[in-house]
Amino acid sequence: MKVRIKFSKYGSVKFIGHLDMMRYFQKAIRRAEIDIAYSEGFSPHQIMSFAAPLSVGHTSKGEYFDIELNSFTSEADLLNRLQSVMVEGIDILQVQLLKEGEQNAMASVKAASYLITFRDETILPTGWQEELMSFYAKPFIPVIKKTKKGEKEMNLKDSIYQLEIRGNSGIYMLLDASSGGNIKPGFVLDSFFDTLNYKLPEFAFTVHRIETCKNIGTEEERKLVPLIWEK
């Protein structure tokens, strides 16, 4: 049986990379005495699949991974046992027993939402909020994206599902996070400020991932919901 787990990542833990987070949860599952299934072969490992990796330095309250279990008591019991062995900076938020045939977490990801906040010391061009909304209103935003196979030209607008100004120095973004079109908030900001001939300084903003989503609609009419979602 497969179970999906949602967790948050905050504080100094945000500086721990994805591979180290995977190792951390492998040890935490053993400490919590969870009856996880192992792969077969000469080097068996816990059957575990993470959703979209979070960039180092970012915080989140919408991280997910799946595990396969040999035995299962209840969602509440699994949540409590895992939470009891968590370090400060990681909280287990939800646990869901997956239905038969459900895609794993990584394959399910289609979008992610973020809150970007500029640091107080960051000086931005006058009128950047209005310019950003004009940038987002364009039907075609040509950009060059680097990939493992080189560079490709794309329409960035197709990958920005929603963009809003939040407060005086915040931006909400809902972006394509699928394996074929994964877009990062920093790439959107760099592409925008390039149109203003402005280069963002290092560490100009913070990124908080709000949610990681799957699509229960169609490609033409998306209906994006959290990876743990019930009607």
Protein backbone atom coordinates (compact mmCIF):
# COMPACT_ATOMS: atom_id res chain seq x y z
CA MET A 1 0.00 0.00 0.00
CA LYS A 2 1.16 3.54 -0.79
CA VAL A 3 0.94 6.59 1.44
CA ARG A 4 1.50 10.27 0.58
CA ILE A 5 3.00 12.58 3.20
CA LYS A 6 2.91 16.38 3.22
CA PHE A 7 5.43 18.38 5.22
CA SER A 8 6.69 21.91 5.76
CA LYS A 9 10.28 23.11 5.69
CA TYR A 10 11.35 26.32 7.41
CA GLY A 11 14.06 27.97 9.51
CA SER A 12 17.68 26.90 9.06
CA VAL A 13 16.55 23.57 7.57
CA LYS A 14 15.97 25.48 4.30
CA PHE A 15 19.73 25.24 3.69
CA ILE A 16 19.64 21.43 3.57
CA GLY A 17 19.67 20.11 0.01
CA HIS A 18 17.29 17.59 -1.54
CA LEU A 19 19.53 14.50 -1.28
CA ASP A 20 20.25 15.18 2.39
CA MET A 21 16.50 15.61 3.00
CA MET A 22 15.90 12.20 1.46
CA ARG A 23 18.52 10.64 3.76
CA TYR A 24 17.01 12.44 6.73
CA PHE A 25 13.55 11.00 6.08
CA GLN A 26 14.97 7.50 5.53
CA LYS A 27 16.49 7.65 9.03
CA ALA A 28 13.37 9.27 10.52
CA ILE A 29 11.18 6.46 9.16
CA ARG A 30 13.44 3.90 10.82
CA ARG A 31 13.36 5.83 14.13
CA ALA A 32 9.56 6.00 13.96
CA GLU A 33 9.49 2.21 13.41
CA ILE A 34 7.32 2.50 10.32
CA ASP A 35 6.92 -0.75 8.40
CA ILE A 36 8.19 0.59 5.07
CA ALA A 37 8.73 -1.70 2.09
CA TYR A 38 12.21 -2.17 0.63
CA SER A 39 13.30 -2.84 -2.93
CA GLU A 40 14.73 -6.21 -3.84
CA GLY A 41 18.25 -7.01 -5.03
CA PHE A 42 21.78 -6.76 -3.65
CA SER A 43 21.31 -3.23 -2.28
CA PRO A 44 17.74 -2.89 -0.97
CA HIS A 45 16.48 0.63 -0.24
CA GLN A 46 13.28 2.14 1.10
CA ILE A 47 10.63 2.60 -1.57
CA MET A 48 10.19 6.36 -1.46
CA SER A 49 9.38 8.97 -4.12
CA PHE A 50 9.63 12.73 -3.56
CA ALA A 51 7.69 15.33 -5.52
CA ALA A 52 9.39 18.39 -7.06
CA PRO A 53 12.69 19.05 -5.18
CA LEU A 54 12.84 22.38 -3.35
CA SER A 55 15.76 24.68 -4.13
CA VAL A 56 18.28 25.25 -1.34
CA GLY A 57 17.43 28.38 0.65
CA HIS A 58 13.69 28.23 -0.03
CA THR A 59 11.04 27.51 2.60
CA SER A 60 7.79 25.66 2.01
CA LYS A 61 4.56 24.40 3.49
CA GLY A 62 3.74 22.25 0.46
CA GLU A 63 6.34 19.45 0.21
CA TYR A 64 5.37 15.85 -0.53
CA PHE A 65 6.74 12.34 -0.76
CA ASP A 66 5.26 8.86 -1.17
CA ILE A 67 6.27 5.68 0.62
CA GLU A 68 5.21 2.08 0.18
CA LEU A 69 4.29 0.19 3.34
CA ASN A 70 4.05 -3.48 4.27
CA SER A 71 1.46 -2.71 6.97
CA PHE A 72 -0.66 0.30 7.86
CA THR A 73 -2.57 1.32 10.99
CA SER A 74 -4.14 4.71 10.24
CA GLU A 75 -3.30 8.07 8.71
CA ALA A 76 -3.40 9.74 12.14
CA ASP A 77 -1.07 7.16 13.70
CA LEU A 78 1.47 7.48 10.89
CA LEU A 79 1.38 11.29 11.11
CA ASN A 80 1.91 11.27 14.90
CA ARG A 81 4.73 8.73 14.77
CA LEU A 82 6.58 10.66 12.08
CA GLN A 83 6.02 14.05 13.73
CA SER A 84 7.41 12.70 17.01
CA VAL A 85 10.84 12.18 15.42
CA MET A 86 11.02 15.39 13.38
CA VAL A 87 13.68 18.04 14.02
CA GLU A 88 12.87 21.73 14.42
CA GLY A 89 12.21 23.15 10.96
CA ILE A 90 10.24 20.19 9.60
CA ASP A 91 6.59 19.46 10.43
CA ILE A 92 4.40 16.64 9.12
CA LEU A 93 1.17 18.30 7.96
CA GLN A 94 -0.93 15.57 6.34
CA VAL A 95 -0.90 11.86 5.57
CA GLN A 96 -3.11 10.19 2.97
CA LEU A 97 -3.49 6.54 2.00
CA LEU A 98 -3.42 6.53 -1.80
CA LYS A 99 -6.00 4.81 -3.94
CA GLU A 100 -4.94 1.92 -6.15
CA GLY A 101 -3.40 3.18 -9.41
CA GLU A 102 -2.65 6.70 -8.14
CA GLN A 103 0.41 8.25 -9.82
CA ASN A 104 3.44 8.72 -7.59
CA ALA A 105 4.22 12.17 -6.21
CA MET A 106 6.90 13.05 -8.76
CA ALA A 107 4.78 12.09 -11.78
CA SER A 108 1.72 13.90 -10.37
CA VAL A 109 3.28 17.37 -10.12
CA LYS A 110 1.94 19.86 -12.66
CA ALA A 111 2.25 23.24 -10.92
CA ALA A 112 3.50 24.98 -7.79
CA SER A 113 2.59 28.25 -6.10
CA TYR A 114 5.10 30.61 -4.50
CA LEU A 115 5.28 33.81 -2.49
CA ILE A 116 8.33 35.91 -3.35
CA THR A 117 9.27 38.69 -0.94
CA PHE A 118 11.94 41.29 -1.62
CA ARG A 119 14.28 42.05 1.24
CA ASP A 120 14.01 45.50 2.86
CA GLU A 121 17.48 46.52 1.64
CA THR A 122 16.70 45.67 -2.01
CA ILE A 123 16.22 48.83 -4.08
CA LEU A 124 13.97 48.23 -7.08
CA PRO A 125 13.18 50.44 -10.10
CA THR A 126 10.39 52.96 -9.59
CA GLY A 127 7.03 51.62 -10.75
CA TRP A 128 8.18 47.99 -10.93
CA GLN A 129 4.79 46.68 -9.76
CA GLU A 130 2.94 48.26 -12.69
CA GLU A 131 5.66 47.15 -15.09
CA LEU A 132 5.42 43.58 -13.78
CA MET A 133 1.67 43.41 -14.35
CA SER A 134 2.16 44.80 -17.87
CA PHE A 135 4.81 42.13 -18.43
CA TYR A 136 2.38 39.43 -17.27
CA ALA A 137 -0.43 40.81 -19.47
CA LYS A 138 1.57 40.16 -22.65
CA PRO A 139 0.28 37.21 -24.70
CA PHE A 140 3.83 36.29 -25.75
CA ILE A 141 6.96 36.58 -23.59
CA PRO A 142 9.94 35.17 -25.54
CA VAL A 143 12.76 33.84 -23.36
CA ILE A 144 15.73 31.52 -23.72
CA LYS A 145 15.73 28.66 -21.25
CA LYS A 146 18.77 26.49 -20.58
CA THR A 147 18.10 22.76 -20.56
CA LYS A 148 20.23 19.63 -20.26
CA LYS A 149 20.30 19.48 -24.06
CA GLY A 150 21.29 23.13 -24.52
CA GLU A 151 19.10 26.20 -24.94
CA LYS A 152 15.61 26.62 -26.31
CA GLU A 153 13.34 29.57 -27.01
CA MET A 154 9.95 29.44 -25.36
CA ASN A 155 6.92 31.54 -24.52
CA LEU A 156 7.22 32.16 -20.79
CA LYS A 157 3.58 33.27 -20.61
CA ASP A 158 2.47 29.66 -21.18
CA SER A 159 4.22 28.65 -17.94
CA ILE A 160 2.85 31.43 -15.71
CA TYR A 161 -0.65 30.38 -14.69
CA GLN A 162 -1.20 33.23 -12.23
CA LEU A 163 0.75 36.26 -11.02
CA GLU A 164 -0.30 38.88 -8.46
CA ILE A 165 1.27 41.66 -6.40
CA ARG A 166 0.95 40.94 -2.68
CA GLY A 167 1.49 43.86 -0.29
CA ASN A 168 4.32 46.33 -0.88
CA SER A 169 7.10 43.88 -1.74
CA GLY A 170 5.49 40.51 -2.39
CA ILE A 171 4.64 38.57 -5.55
CA TYR A 172 2.41 35.50 -5.78
CA MET A 173 3.17 33.13 -8.66
CA LEU A 174 1.49 29.92 -9.81
CA LEU A 175 3.91 28.28 -12.25
CA ASP A 176 4.30 25.21 -14.40
CA ALA A 177 6.26 22.66 -12.33
CA SER A 178 5.83 19.61 -14.58
CA SER A 179 8.82 17.55 -15.64
CA GLY A 180 8.60 18.91 -19.17
CA GLY A 181 8.19 22.60 -18.40
CA ASN A 182 9.47 23.29 -14.89
CA ILE A 183 9.86 27.05 -14.29
CA LYS A 184 11.45 28.61 -11.20
CA PRO A 185 10.33 31.94 -9.65
CA GLY A 186 13.84 33.35 -9.98
CA PHE A 187 13.78 32.73 -13.73
CA VAL A 188 10.52 34.68 -14.05
CA LEU A 189 11.93 37.59 -12.06
CA ASP A 190 15.19 37.67 -14.02
CA SER A 191 13.25 37.59 -17.30
CA PHE A 192 11.05 40.47 -16.14
CA PHE A 193 13.84 42.70 -14.83
CA ASP A 194 15.83 42.09 -18.02
CA THR A 195 13.08 44.00 -19.84
CA LEU A 196 13.82 46.95 -17.52
CA ASN A 197 17.59 46.63 -18.07
CA TYR A 198 17.93 45.98 -14.35
CA LYS A 199 20.02 43.26 -12.73
CA LEU A 200 18.77 41.96 -9.40
CA PRO A 201 21.49 41.86 -6.72
CA GLU A 202 22.34 38.56 -5.04
CA PHE A 203 19.95 37.48 -2.28
CA ALA A 204 17.48 40.21 -3.26
CA PHE A 205 14.42 38.14 -2.36
CA THR A 206 13.14 35.11 -0.46
CA VAL A 207 11.01 32.32 -1.91
CA HIS A 208 8.32 30.39 -0.03
CA ARG A 209 6.57 27.51 -1.78
CA ILE A 210 2.92 27.62 -0.78
CA GLU A 211 1.67 24.46 -2.49
CA THR A 212 2.57 21.74 -4.97
CA CYS A 213 -0.30 20.80 -7.28
CA LYS A 214 -1.65 18.13 -9.59
CA ASN A 215 -4.14 18.65 -12.42
CA ILE A 216 -7.49 16.87 -12.12
CA GLY A 217 -8.86 18.70 -15.16
CA THR A 218 -7.66 18.63 -18.76
CA GLU A 219 -4.75 20.33 -20.51
CA GLU A 220 -7.21 22.79 -22.04
CA GLU A 221 -9.11 23.42 -18.78
CA ARG A 222 -6.74 22.91 -15.87
CA LYS A 223 -8.07 22.29 -12.38
CA LEU A 224 -5.05 22.47 -10.09
CA VAL A 225 -5.40 21.02 -6.59
CA PRO A 226 -2.89 20.06 -3.86
CA LEU A 227 -1.20 16.64 -4.16
CA ILE A 228 -3.23 15.60 -1.12
CA TRP A 229 -6.79 16.47 -2.08
CA GLU A 230 -10.23 14.99 -1.46
CA LYS A 231 -13.52 16.07 -3.01
